Amino acid sequence: MLIPNKIKHDELLTSRDQLISFLAAGARPETDWGIGAEMEKLVLDIHTGEAAEFHRVEALLSALAKSGDWQEVREGTRLIGLQGEHSSITLEPGSQLELSGQLCADLFCNCNDFSKHIVKAVAACNELGLVLVGLGTQPFTPLDKIEWAPKSRYDIMGPYMLKTGDMGQRMMKQSAGLQVNLDFRDEADCMRKLRLAQALSPLIYGLFANSPIMDGEATGFLTTRGEIWSRTDPDRTGLLPFLDNPEAGFSDYVDYALDVPMYFILRDGQYIDLTQRPFHFREYLASGYGGHQATMVDWDLHLSTLFTEVRLRPQVEVRCADSLPPHLVLTVAALLKGLMYDEESFQKAWEHCRPTSSAEVAQTSQQAWKLGLKTPWREGTLQDLARTCLTLARDGLDRQQSRRCQERSESYFLDGLDSLIEGGVTLAEQLLQNWHGSREDKVKALIQHCGFFDVASNRPDGSCSNEQFKP
C-alpha cells in the first residue's frame, strides 16, 4: 500500500495528531475510489501435496523474474519477493505466495492483473513440479516440517508468537487468506465502512469457509483459519470494540494502535527487536528507544502488524476470508464493492446485519467457523443473510455501472456465489465430501477443488472470466 504523497515517510513524530493525520490522508473523493485485492496461495508439491521447501519457491520467484515484469527483492543473498510497476509478490513465513495487486478502478482491472500473474506462475510451477492452491490452511505438512522463509522479521515474530497464544506460528506458516482494500471519502465514511465490514465478518467466514483440513486430517472446523487467528495474539487480532461507539473516529483507532505492543523498528535495513518486554507505540512516541525517535515509517510498519478482522493502513482492509479456489478469488471483492460503494445497498446491508455489539459479532463468527452457512442468524441462518447480501451487492454493482457509464457490470464477478449460497454447502464441506481414499486420491481431490492450473487466455474483448481459472 502506497503512503499518500502528503505524508513524509521519514517524518519525525512529535505528536499524536500526526498519527491521526496519517489515517485522514487516506481519504479520496468518490470519483477516485479503487478496489484492491491481496491473495495468498499455498505452494505445494504437485505429487505429494506437501508444502514446498523454500529453495523450490525461490526457484519459482526466479522463473517469474525472468519474464521481465518483475524486479528481484533479496534479503542477503536469498530471493524473497518480486516488485512490479504496480504490484508485488511477497512470501509469507511458510513461503505462501502473496500477490498484492494494484489499486484498480474496477474488478475487471483486478482480474486482468491477477490473470497475468497467475498464467506465468502456473507455467513456472508446471516446470518445477509445483502447484498453487487456494486453500486456507496447509493440508498435509505439520508445523515443524515447514521451514521459515529467510526474512529477518520472522526471526522476531516467530518466537514472540509462542508467548501470545498456542497457534501463532500456525497462523504464520500454515495459513493463507485473502484481503480486500477499500477507499473512503472522509472520517465518517471510513468509520461506517469499518463497522459494516466488521459486522459482515461472520458472513465472510461462513460463506467463504475453505480450510477444514490440517496435518492431513479434518479439524472439526470449516474455517480452521478463523480458529487459528483467535488463538494467535489477543493484543492485535479479533474485532475493534471501539466501533460499538457511534461517535468513534480516527482518534479511537490511533488510541487502539498506540497500546498494541510493538514487534520492531527498521533502521538501515535491519530490524531492531522490541519484544523483550511489552513496549507500546505510545511509550515509543513519548520516549523513543535506544536513541531512536519515532518516525512515520515506524508508525506505518506498526500498523502493518495489527491483524484485526478489519483495519486501517490507511485504506480500509477486510481480512477474514480464507484463500479461495481460482474461480472465486474476486467474489469477496465483488461482494464488498457492491455493498460498500453504493449508498442504497450500503444502507440496506447495515439494516440487515447491524449488530447489537462487537461481542455479538464475535460469538457469531465463532459459530460460523464450525457451521458455515448453517450458523444461526436472527430468525434464520447465515445462508439467508448471504442471499440478501448477494442481491444487494449485485444491485449495487449494477448501479455503479450506470453511474460510471461502464460497458459491463462488475456483478459478473458474483456469479460463482449463486450456486454456493443456494446449495448451502460451503467449499470446506465440498472438500470434506471428497477427502477419502489414499494419499494420492486426497491430493487429486485437493487440486481439483482449489488448484490453479491449465489457465486459459483472456477473452478477445480483454475482459477476464472467472471460468478461465477453473481446473
Protein backbone atom coordinates (compact mmCIF):
# COMPACT_ATOMS: atom_id res chain seq x y z
CA MET A 1 0.00 0.00 0.00
CA LEU A 2 1.48 3.33 -1.03
CA ILE A 3 1.77 6.13 1.51
CA PRO A 4 -0.19 9.22 0.41
CA ASN A 5 2.07 11.86 -1.08
CA LYS A 6 1.11 14.45 1.51
CA ILE A 7 2.77 12.31 4.22
CA LYS A 8 6.56 12.38 4.51
CA HIS A 9 7.54 8.79 5.23
CA ASP A 10 10.69 9.78 7.21
CA GLU A 11 8.88 12.49 9.15
CA LEU A 12 9.74 12.55 12.85
CA LEU A 13 6.73 12.07 15.08
CA THR A 14 6.26 14.55 17.88
CA SER A 15 2.51 14.39 18.48
CA ARG A 16 -0.48 12.09 18.34
CA ASP A 17 -2.09 14.46 15.83
CA GLN A 18 0.39 13.35 13.17
CA LEU A 19 -0.79 9.77 13.58
CA ILE A 20 -4.38 10.86 13.07
CA SER A 21 -3.38 12.88 10.01
CA PHE A 22 -1.74 9.80 8.52
CA LEU A 23 -5.09 7.97 8.59
CA ALA A 24 -7.03 11.02 7.40
CA ALA A 25 -4.68 11.32 4.41
CA GLY A 26 -6.11 8.05 3.08
CA ALA A 27 -9.39 9.77 2.15
CA ARG A 28 -10.23 10.10 -1.55
CA PRO A 29 -13.12 11.65 -3.47
CA GLU A 30 -15.62 9.04 -4.62
CA THR A 31 -14.59 9.54 -8.25
CA ASP A 32 -11.12 8.24 -7.32
CA TRP A 33 -12.19 5.22 -5.28
CA GLY A 34 -10.46 1.99 -6.20
CA ILE A 35 -10.55 -1.64 -5.16
CA GLY A 36 -7.51 -3.66 -4.11
CA ALA A 37 -7.06 -7.40 -3.66
CA GLU A 38 -4.26 -9.28 -1.94
CA MET A 39 -4.29 -13.03 -2.49
CA GLU A 40 -2.23 -15.64 -0.67
CA LYS A 41 -1.77 -19.07 -2.23
CA LEU A 42 -0.15 -22.20 -0.87
CA VAL A 43 2.74 -23.63 -2.91
CA LEU A 44 2.66 -27.44 -2.79
CA ASP A 45 4.47 -30.35 -4.35
CA ILE A 46 2.11 -31.45 -7.09
CA HIS A 47 2.57 -35.15 -6.32
CA THR A 48 2.60 -35.29 -2.52
CA GLY A 49 0.64 -32.18 -1.54
CA GLU A 50 3.39 -31.26 0.93
CA ALA A 51 4.42 -27.64 1.45
CA ALA A 52 7.18 -26.72 -0.99
CA GLU A 53 10.59 -26.14 0.55
CA PHE A 54 11.87 -22.58 0.39
CA HIS A 55 14.50 -23.31 -2.25
CA ARG A 56 11.77 -24.53 -4.62
CA VAL A 57 9.66 -21.41 -4.01
CA GLU A 58 12.79 -19.32 -4.55
CA ALA A 59 13.22 -21.07 -7.91
CA LEU A 60 9.61 -20.16 -8.72
CA LEU A 61 10.29 -16.49 -7.95
CA SER A 62 13.45 -16.63 -10.08
CA ALA A 63 11.48 -18.02 -13.01
CA LEU A 64 8.90 -15.24 -12.69
CA ALA A 65 11.66 -12.61 -12.53
CA LYS A 66 12.99 -13.83 -15.87
CA SER A 67 9.72 -12.78 -17.53
CA GLY A 68 10.90 -9.18 -17.30
CA ASP A 69 7.80 -7.94 -15.48
CA TRP A 70 9.34 -8.09 -12.01
CA GLN A 71 12.45 -6.90 -10.21
CA GLU A 72 14.01 -9.23 -7.66
CA VAL A 73 13.79 -8.38 -3.96
CA ARG A 74 16.52 -10.00 -1.89
CA GLU A 75 17.40 -10.21 1.76
CA GLY A 76 21.07 -11.01 1.90
CA THR A 77 21.64 -13.49 -0.91
CA ARG A 78 18.15 -15.02 -0.84
CA LEU A 79 15.36 -14.09 -3.25
CA ILE A 80 12.33 -13.32 -1.06
CA GLY A 81 10.00 -11.39 -3.36
CA LEU A 82 9.34 -9.55 -6.59
CA GLN A 83 8.40 -5.93 -7.24
CA GLY A 84 6.47 -4.84 -10.32
CA GLU A 85 5.46 -1.40 -11.51
CA HIS A 86 2.07 -1.52 -9.77
CA SER A 87 2.08 -4.73 -7.74
CA SER A 88 4.31 -7.08 -5.80
CA ILE A 89 4.78 -10.75 -4.97
CA THR A 90 5.87 -11.47 -1.42
CA LEU A 91 6.38 -14.53 0.75
CA GLU A 92 4.60 -15.28 4.00
CA PRO A 93 6.58 -17.08 6.75
CA GLY A 94 5.87 -20.59 5.41
CA SER A 95 6.63 -19.47 1.82
CA GLN A 96 2.99 -18.92 0.96
CA LEU A 97 2.91 -16.77 -2.18
CA GLU A 98 1.04 -13.46 -1.96
CA LEU A 99 0.13 -11.20 -4.87
CA SER A 100 -0.58 -7.63 -3.82
CA GLY A 101 -2.25 -6.23 -6.91
CA GLN A 102 -2.59 -2.61 -7.91
CA LEU A 103 -5.43 -0.45 -6.63
CA CYS A 104 -7.82 -0.68 -9.57
CA ALA A 105 -10.78 1.39 -10.70
CA ASP A 106 -12.84 -1.76 -11.27
CA LEU A 107 -12.79 -5.52 -10.83
CA PHE A 108 -12.01 -6.18 -14.49
CA CYS A 109 -8.69 -4.44 -13.91
CA ASN A 110 -8.11 -6.55 -10.78
CA CYS A 111 -8.90 -9.71 -12.70
CA ASN A 112 -6.62 -8.90 -15.62
CA ASP A 113 -3.84 -8.00 -13.17
CA PHE A 114 -4.28 -11.31 -11.39
CA SER A 115 -4.58 -13.24 -14.65
CA LYS A 116 -1.23 -12.00 -15.95
CA HIS A 117 0.41 -13.08 -12.71
CA ILE A 118 -1.23 -16.47 -12.44
CA VAL A 119 -0.64 -17.50 -16.05
CA LYS A 120 3.11 -17.07 -15.62
CA ALA A 121 3.14 -18.55 -12.13
CA VAL A 122 1.27 -21.66 -13.27
CA ALA A 123 3.63 -22.15 -16.21
CA ALA A 124 6.62 -21.89 -13.87
CA CYS A 125 5.04 -24.29 -11.38
CA ASN A 126 4.49 -26.86 -14.12
CA GLU A 127 8.22 -26.83 -14.85
CA LEU A 128 9.12 -27.17 -11.17
CA GLY A 129 6.67 -29.90 -10.14
CA LEU A 130 4.68 -27.46 -8.00
CA VAL A 131 1.05 -26.42 -7.80
CA LEU A 132 -0.61 -23.31 -6.37
CA VAL A 133 -3.76 -23.93 -4.34
CA GLY A 134 -6.37 -21.58 -2.93
CA LEU A 135 -6.92 -23.15 0.50
CA GLY A 136 -6.92 -21.51 3.93
CA THR A 137 -4.58 -23.99 5.68
CA GLN A 138 -1.73 -26.29 4.76
CA PRO A 139 -3.47 -29.64 4.11
CA PHE A 140 -0.72 -32.12 4.99
CA THR A 141 2.57 -30.71 6.23
CA PRO A 142 2.95 -30.39 10.03
CA LEU A 143 4.09 -27.11 11.52
CA ASP A 144 7.56 -28.32 12.47
CA LYS A 145 8.19 -29.63 8.95
CA ILE A 146 7.62 -26.24 7.28
CA GLU A 147 10.80 -24.20 7.14
CA TRP A 148 10.78 -20.46 7.75
CA ALA A 149 11.19 -18.16 4.78
CA PRO A 150 14.56 -16.40 5.36
CA LYS A 151 13.22 -12.97 6.29
CA SER A 152 14.73 -11.42 9.41
CA ARG A 153 11.42 -10.01 10.63
CA TYR A 154 10.23 -13.58 11.16
CA ASP A 155 13.20 -14.19 13.48
CA ILE A 156 11.48 -11.73 15.81
CA MET A 157 7.83 -12.51 15.15
CA GLY A 158 8.18 -16.30 15.36
CA PRO A 159 9.49 -16.55 18.94
CA TYR A 160 7.16 -13.79 20.11
CA MET A 161 4.16 -15.74 18.82
CA LEU A 162 4.98 -18.52 21.28
CA LYS A 163 4.35 -16.05 24.12
CA THR A 164 0.96 -14.77 23.00
CA GLY A 165 -1.06 -17.85 22.02
CA ASP A 166 -0.83 -21.50 21.06
CA MET A 167 -1.43 -21.09 17.31
CA GLY A 168 0.56 -18.02 16.31
CA GLN A 169 3.18 -19.99 14.41
CA ARG A 170 0.44 -21.98 12.71
CA MET A 171 -1.02 -18.69 11.54
CA MET A 172 2.35 -17.68 10.16
CA LYS A 173 3.38 -20.90 8.41
CA GLN A 174 0.20 -22.91 7.83
CA SER A 175 -2.50 -20.41 6.85
CA ALA A 176 -3.43 -18.41 3.76
CA GLY A 177 -6.05 -15.72 3.33
CA LEU A 178 -7.49 -13.14 1.01
CA GLN A 179 -7.71 -9.41 1.70
CA VAL A 180 -9.77 -6.63 0.11
CA ASN A 181 -8.79 -2.95 0.29
CA LEU A 182 -11.42 -0.21 0.10
CA ASP A 183 -11.38 3.59 -0.09
CA PHE A 184 -13.36 6.14 1.90
CA ARG A 185 -14.27 9.79 1.40
CA ASP A 186 -13.79 11.14 4.93
CA GLU A 187 -13.60 10.13 8.58
CA ALA A 188 -17.32 9.42 8.97
CA ASP A 189 -17.38 7.29 5.81
CA CYS A 190 -14.30 5.40 6.97
CA MET A 191 -15.83 4.55 10.33
CA ARG A 192 -19.12 3.37 8.89
CA LYS A 193 -17.29 1.16 6.39
CA LEU A 194 -15.22 -0.34 9.19
CA ARG A 195 -18.45 -1.00 11.12
CA LEU A 196 -20.21 -2.67 8.20
CA ALA A 197 -17.14 -4.72 7.28
CA GLN A 198 -16.79 -5.90 10.89
CA ALA A 199 -20.50 -6.71 11.07
CA LEU A 200 -20.11 -8.75 7.86
CA SER A 201 -17.15 -10.76 9.18
CA PRO A 202 -19.28 -13.73 10.37
CA LEU A 203 -20.86 -13.90 6.92
CA ILE A 204 -17.47 -13.73 5.20
CA TYR A 205 -16.18 -16.50 7.44
CA GLY A 206 -19.24 -18.67 6.87
CA LEU A 207 -19.72 -18.06 3.16
CA PHE A 208 -16.04 -18.39 2.20
CA ALA A 209 -15.05 -21.13 4.67
CA ASN A 210 -12.32 -23.13 2.94
CA SER A 211 -9.88 -24.56 5.47
CA PRO A 212 -11.26 -27.77 7.01
CA ILE A 213 -8.04 -29.81 6.80
CA MET A 214 -4.73 -29.53 8.63
CA ASP A 215 -1.98 -32.05 9.30
CA GLY A 216 -3.79 -34.39 6.90
CA GLU A 217 -6.96 -34.61 8.98
CA ALA A 218 -10.31 -32.90 9.28
CA THR A 219 -10.08 -30.39 12.14
CA GLY A 220 -13.75 -30.09 13.07
CA PHE A 221 -13.81 -26.57 11.67
CA LEU A 222 -14.93 -25.40 8.24
CA THR A 223 -12.57 -22.47 8.55
CA THR A 224 -9.74 -23.65 10.75
CA ARG A 225 -8.02 -20.42 9.85
CA GLY A 226 -10.61 -18.49 11.87
CA GLU A 227 -9.85 -20.60 14.95
CA ILE A 228 -6.11 -20.18 14.36
CA TRP A 229 -6.38 -16.40 14.34
CA SER A 230 -8.40 -16.43 17.57
CA ARG A 231 -5.51 -18.22 19.30
CA THR A 232 -2.66 -16.12 17.90
CA ASP A 233 -2.37 -12.86 19.87
CA PRO A 234 -5.32 -11.18 21.61
CA ASP A 235 -3.48 -7.83 21.67
CA ARG A 236 -3.60 -7.47 17.88
CA THR A 237 -6.30 -9.80 16.49
CA GLY A 238 -10.08 -10.07 16.58
CA LEU A 239 -12.52 -7.18 16.48
CA LEU A 240 -12.33 -3.44 17.12
CA PRO A 241 -14.61 -2.92 20.14
CA PHE A 242 -14.47 0.89 19.93
CA LEU A 243 -16.63 0.63 16.81
CA ASP A 244 -19.57 -0.01 19.17
CA ASN A 245 -19.37 3.72 19.90
CA PRO A 246 -21.30 5.57 17.15
CA GLU A 247 -19.06 8.62 17.71
CA ALA A 248 -15.80 6.72 17.17
CA GLY A 249 -13.28 8.21 14.75
CA PHE A 250 -9.65 8.17 13.67
CA SER A 251 -8.64 9.17 17.17
CA ASP A 252 -10.06 5.94 18.59
CA TYR A 253 -8.18 3.82 16.05
CA VAL A 254 -4.97 5.65 16.91
CA ASP A 255 -5.53 5.07 20.64
CA TYR A 256 -6.10 1.37 19.96
CA ALA A 257 -2.91 1.10 17.88
CA LEU A 258 -0.82 3.07 20.35
CA ASP A 259 -1.49 0.46 23.02
CA VAL A 260 -0.62 -2.63 20.93
CA PRO A 261 2.87 -3.99 21.78
CA MET A 262 5.46 -3.36 19.08
CA TYR A 263 7.41 -6.05 17.27
CA PHE A 264 10.29 -4.00 15.88
CA ILE A 265 11.53 -0.90 14.11
CA LEU A 266 13.64 -0.85 10.96
CA ARG A 267 16.92 1.07 10.75
CA ASP A 268 19.47 0.84 7.93
CA GLY A 269 17.80 -2.29 6.61
CA GLN A 270 17.98 -4.08 9.98
CA TYR A 271 15.11 -4.92 12.31
CA ILE A 272 15.56 -3.91 15.94
CA ASP A 273 13.74 -6.30 18.29
CA LEU A 274 11.31 -4.62 20.73
CA THR A 275 9.64 -7.76 22.06
CA GLN A 276 11.73 -8.44 25.15
CA ARG A 277 9.06 -6.72 27.24
CA PRO A 278 5.67 -5.23 26.35
CA PHE A 279 6.65 -1.98 24.64
CA HIS A 280 3.78 0.03 23.21
CA PHE A 281 3.92 2.64 20.49
CA ARG A 282 2.56 5.17 22.99
CA GLU A 283 5.75 4.78 25.05
CA TYR A 284 7.89 4.84 21.92
CA LEU A 285 6.25 8.06 20.73
CA ALA A 286 6.90 9.70 24.09
CA SER A 287 10.43 8.50 24.84
CA GLY A 288 11.92 6.78 21.80
CA TYR A 289 14.04 3.64 22.09
CA GLY A 290 17.80 3.14 22.19
CA GLY A 291 18.45 6.59 20.81
CA HIS A 292 15.90 6.18 18.01
CA GLN A 293 12.93 8.54 17.70
CA ALA A 294 9.57 7.58 16.23
CA THR A 295 9.06 8.29 12.52
CA MET A 296 6.16 7.92 10.16
CA VAL A 297 7.77 4.79 8.69
CA ASP A 298 7.71 3.29 12.20
CA TRP A 299 4.01 4.07 12.53
CA ASP A 300 3.24 2.59 9.12
CA LEU A 301 5.23 -0.53 9.97
CA HIS A 302 3.45 -0.85 13.30
CA LEU A 303 0.03 -0.57 11.64
CA SER A 304 1.02 -3.45 9.36
CA THR A 305 1.44 -5.69 12.43
CA LEU A 306 -2.17 -5.23 13.61
CA PHE A 307 -4.13 -8.27 12.49
CA THR A 308 -7.75 -7.45 13.30
CA GLU A 309 -10.57 -8.64 11.02
CA VAL A 310 -10.75 -5.09 9.63
CA ARG A 311 -8.03 -2.48 9.90
CA LEU A 312 -6.73 0.84 8.51
CA ARG A 313 -3.41 1.23 6.65
CA PRO A 314 -4.76 3.88 5.85
CA GLN A 315 -7.27 2.27 3.43
CA VAL A 316 -9.97 0.02 4.92
CA GLU A 317 -8.74 -3.58 4.79
CA VAL A 318 -11.07 -6.57 5.19
CA ARG A 319 -9.06 -9.63 6.15
CA CYS A 320 -11.32 -12.51 7.24
CA ALA A 321 -11.73 -14.59 4.05
CA ASP A 322 -9.86 -17.86 3.54
CA SER A 323 -7.76 -18.29 0.43
CA LEU A 324 -10.15 -19.40 -2.33
CA PRO A 325 -10.26 -21.58 -5.44
CA PRO A 326 -9.34 -19.78 -8.65
CA HIS A 327 -12.86 -19.20 -9.96
CA LEU A 328 -13.88 -17.43 -6.73
CA VAL A 329 -10.83 -15.26 -6.00
CA LEU A 330 -12.62 -11.98 -6.79
CA THR A 331 -16.02 -12.78 -5.31
CA VAL A 332 -15.13 -11.30 -1.92
CA ALA A 333 -14.01 -8.05 -3.55
CA ALA A 334 -17.17 -8.01 -5.70
CA LEU A 335 -19.42 -8.57 -2.69
CA LEU A 336 -17.77 -5.79 -0.69
CA LYS A 337 -17.58 -3.35 -3.59
CA GLY A 338 -21.26 -3.85 -4.34
CA LEU A 339 -22.23 -3.23 -0.71
CA MET A 340 -19.71 -0.53 0.21
CA TYR A 341 -19.60 1.69 -2.87
CA ASP A 342 -23.34 2.10 -3.43
CA GLU A 343 -25.33 4.10 -0.88
CA GLU A 344 -28.62 2.26 -1.26
CA SER A 345 -27.04 -1.16 -0.91
CA PHE A 346 -24.89 0.05 1.97
CA GLN A 347 -27.86 1.29 3.97
CA LYS A 348 -29.90 -1.86 3.38
CA ALA A 349 -26.96 -4.12 4.24
CA TRP A 350 -26.44 -2.22 7.50
CA GLU A 351 -30.14 -2.57 8.35
CA HIS A 352 -29.92 -6.33 7.84
CA CYS A 353 -26.71 -7.05 9.71
CA ARG A 354 -26.33 -4.22 12.25
CA PRO A 355 -25.12 -5.96 15.43
CA THR A 356 -26.03 -5.11 18.99
CA SER A 357 -22.32 -5.15 19.90
CA SER A 358 -18.93 -6.43 18.80
CA ALA A 359 -19.44 -9.28 21.30
CA GLU A 360 -22.38 -10.49 19.21
CA VAL A 361 -20.22 -10.38 16.08
CA ALA A 362 -17.51 -12.40 17.82
CA GLN A 363 -19.97 -15.04 19.00
CA THR A 364 -21.49 -15.45 15.54
CA SER A 365 -18.06 -15.69 13.93
CA GLN A 366 -17.05 -18.47 16.30
CA GLN A 367 -20.15 -20.41 15.31
CA ALA A 368 -19.51 -19.74 11.62
CA TRP A 369 -16.06 -21.33 11.87
CA LYS A 370 -17.79 -24.67 12.51
CA LEU A 371 -21.25 -24.30 10.96
CA GLY A 372 -20.65 -22.19 7.87
CA LEU A 373 -23.86 -21.07 6.20
CA LYS A 374 -25.90 -23.07 8.72
CA THR A 375 -24.90 -20.68 11.50
CA PRO A 376 -27.98 -19.25 13.29
CA TRP A 377 -28.65 -15.65 12.34
CA ARG A 378 -31.58 -13.62 13.67
CA GLU A 379 -34.69 -15.71 12.80
CA GLY A 380 -32.81 -17.73 10.18
CA THR A 381 -29.23 -18.61 9.23
CA LEU A 382 -26.22 -17.01 7.57
CA GLN A 383 -27.46 -18.59 4.35
CA ASP A 384 -30.43 -16.21 4.49
CA LEU A 385 -28.16 -13.24 5.12
CA ALA A 386 -25.93 -14.37 2.25
CA ARG A 387 -28.88 -14.41 -0.15
CA THR A 388 -29.84 -10.89 0.89
CA CYS A 389 -26.32 -9.50 0.66
CA LEU A 390 -25.72 -11.14 -2.71
CA THR A 391 -28.82 -9.42 -4.12
CA LEU A 392 -27.83 -6.09 -2.59
CA ALA A 393 -24.26 -6.39 -3.89
CA ARG A 394 -25.44 -7.25 -7.39
CA ASP A 395 -27.81 -4.29 -7.41
CA GLY A 396 -25.07 -2.05 -6.08
CA LEU A 397 -22.62 -3.07 -8.79
CA ASP A 398 -25.26 -2.62 -11.47
CA ARG A 399 -25.95 0.92 -10.27
CA GLN A 400 -22.21 1.63 -10.21
CA GLN A 401 -22.08 0.53 -13.85
CA SER A 402 -24.82 3.01 -14.70
CA ARG A 403 -23.21 5.89 -12.79
CA ARG A 404 -19.79 5.27 -14.33
CA CYS A 405 -21.15 4.51 -17.81
CA GLN A 406 -19.29 1.21 -17.83
CA GLU A 407 -19.82 -1.13 -20.76
CA ARG A 408 -20.35 -4.08 -18.45
CA SER A 409 -21.45 -4.58 -14.84
CA GLU A 410 -18.98 -5.93 -12.31
CA SER A 411 -21.83 -8.02 -10.88
CA TYR A 412 -20.43 -10.62 -13.27
CA PHE A 413 -17.88 -11.49 -10.58
CA LEU A 414 -20.62 -12.54 -8.18
CA ASP A 415 -21.89 -15.31 -10.45
CA GLY A 416 -19.93 -18.03 -8.67
CA LEU A 417 -21.77 -17.36 -5.41
CA ASP A 418 -25.33 -18.21 -6.53
CA SER A 419 -24.91 -21.98 -6.50
CA LEU A 420 -22.76 -21.88 -3.37
CA ILE A 421 -25.38 -19.95 -1.42
CA GLU A 422 -28.43 -21.77 -2.72
CA GLY A 423 -26.84 -25.15 -2.10
CA GLY A 424 -25.89 -24.11 1.42
CA VAL A 425 -22.79 -26.32 1.26
CA THR A 426 -19.54 -24.45 1.82
CA LEU A 427 -16.33 -25.04 -0.06
CA ALA A 428 -14.96 -26.68 3.07
CA GLU A 429 -17.84 -29.18 3.17
CA GLN A 430 -17.40 -29.90 -0.53
CA LEU A 431 -13.74 -30.75 0.04
CA LEU A 432 -14.55 -32.93 3.05
CA GLN A 433 -17.02 -34.94 0.96
CA ASN A 434 -14.12 -35.95 -1.29
CA TRP A 435 -11.47 -36.35 1.42
CA HIS A 436 -11.13 -40.12 1.44
CA GLY A 437 -9.09 -42.92 -0.08
CA SER A 438 -5.32 -42.98 -0.48
CA ARG A 439 -2.96 -40.05 -0.15
CA GLU A 440 -2.87 -39.90 -3.94
CA ASP A 441 -6.66 -39.69 -4.03
CA LYS A 442 -6.67 -36.86 -1.50
CA VAL A 443 -4.05 -34.86 -3.40
CA LYS A 444 -6.06 -35.28 -6.58
CA ALA A 445 -9.25 -34.15 -4.81
CA LEU A 446 -7.40 -31.16 -3.35
CA ILE A 447 -6.05 -29.98 -6.68
CA GLN A 448 -9.43 -30.49 -8.32
CA HIS A 449 -11.01 -28.45 -5.52
CA CYS A 450 -8.73 -25.43 -5.48
CA GLY A 451 -5.70 -25.86 -7.74
CA PHE A 452 -4.50 -23.22 -10.18
CA PHE A 453 -3.55 -24.90 -13.43
CA ASP A 454 -4.30 -25.19 -17.14
CA VAL A 455 -5.20 -21.50 -17.32
CA ALA A 456 -6.89 -20.27 -20.48
CA SER A 457 -6.19 -16.94 -22.13
CA ASN A 458 -8.27 -13.83 -21.69
CA ARG A 459 -11.35 -13.31 -23.78
CA PRO A 460 -10.94 -11.41 -27.07
CA ASP A 461 -12.62 -8.29 -25.65
CA GLY A 462 -9.93 -8.01 -22.98
CA SER A 463 -12.30 -8.86 -20.13
CA CYS A 464 -11.48 -11.51 -17.60
CA SER A 465 -13.56 -14.58 -16.85
CA ASN A 466 -13.94 -16.44 -13.60
CA GLU A 467 -14.24 -19.53 -15.80
CA GLN A 468 -10.69 -19.14 -17.07
CA PHE A 469 -9.22 -20.13 -13.70
CA LYS A 470 -11.28 -23.29 -13.25
CA PRO A 471 -9.43 -26.62 -13.25
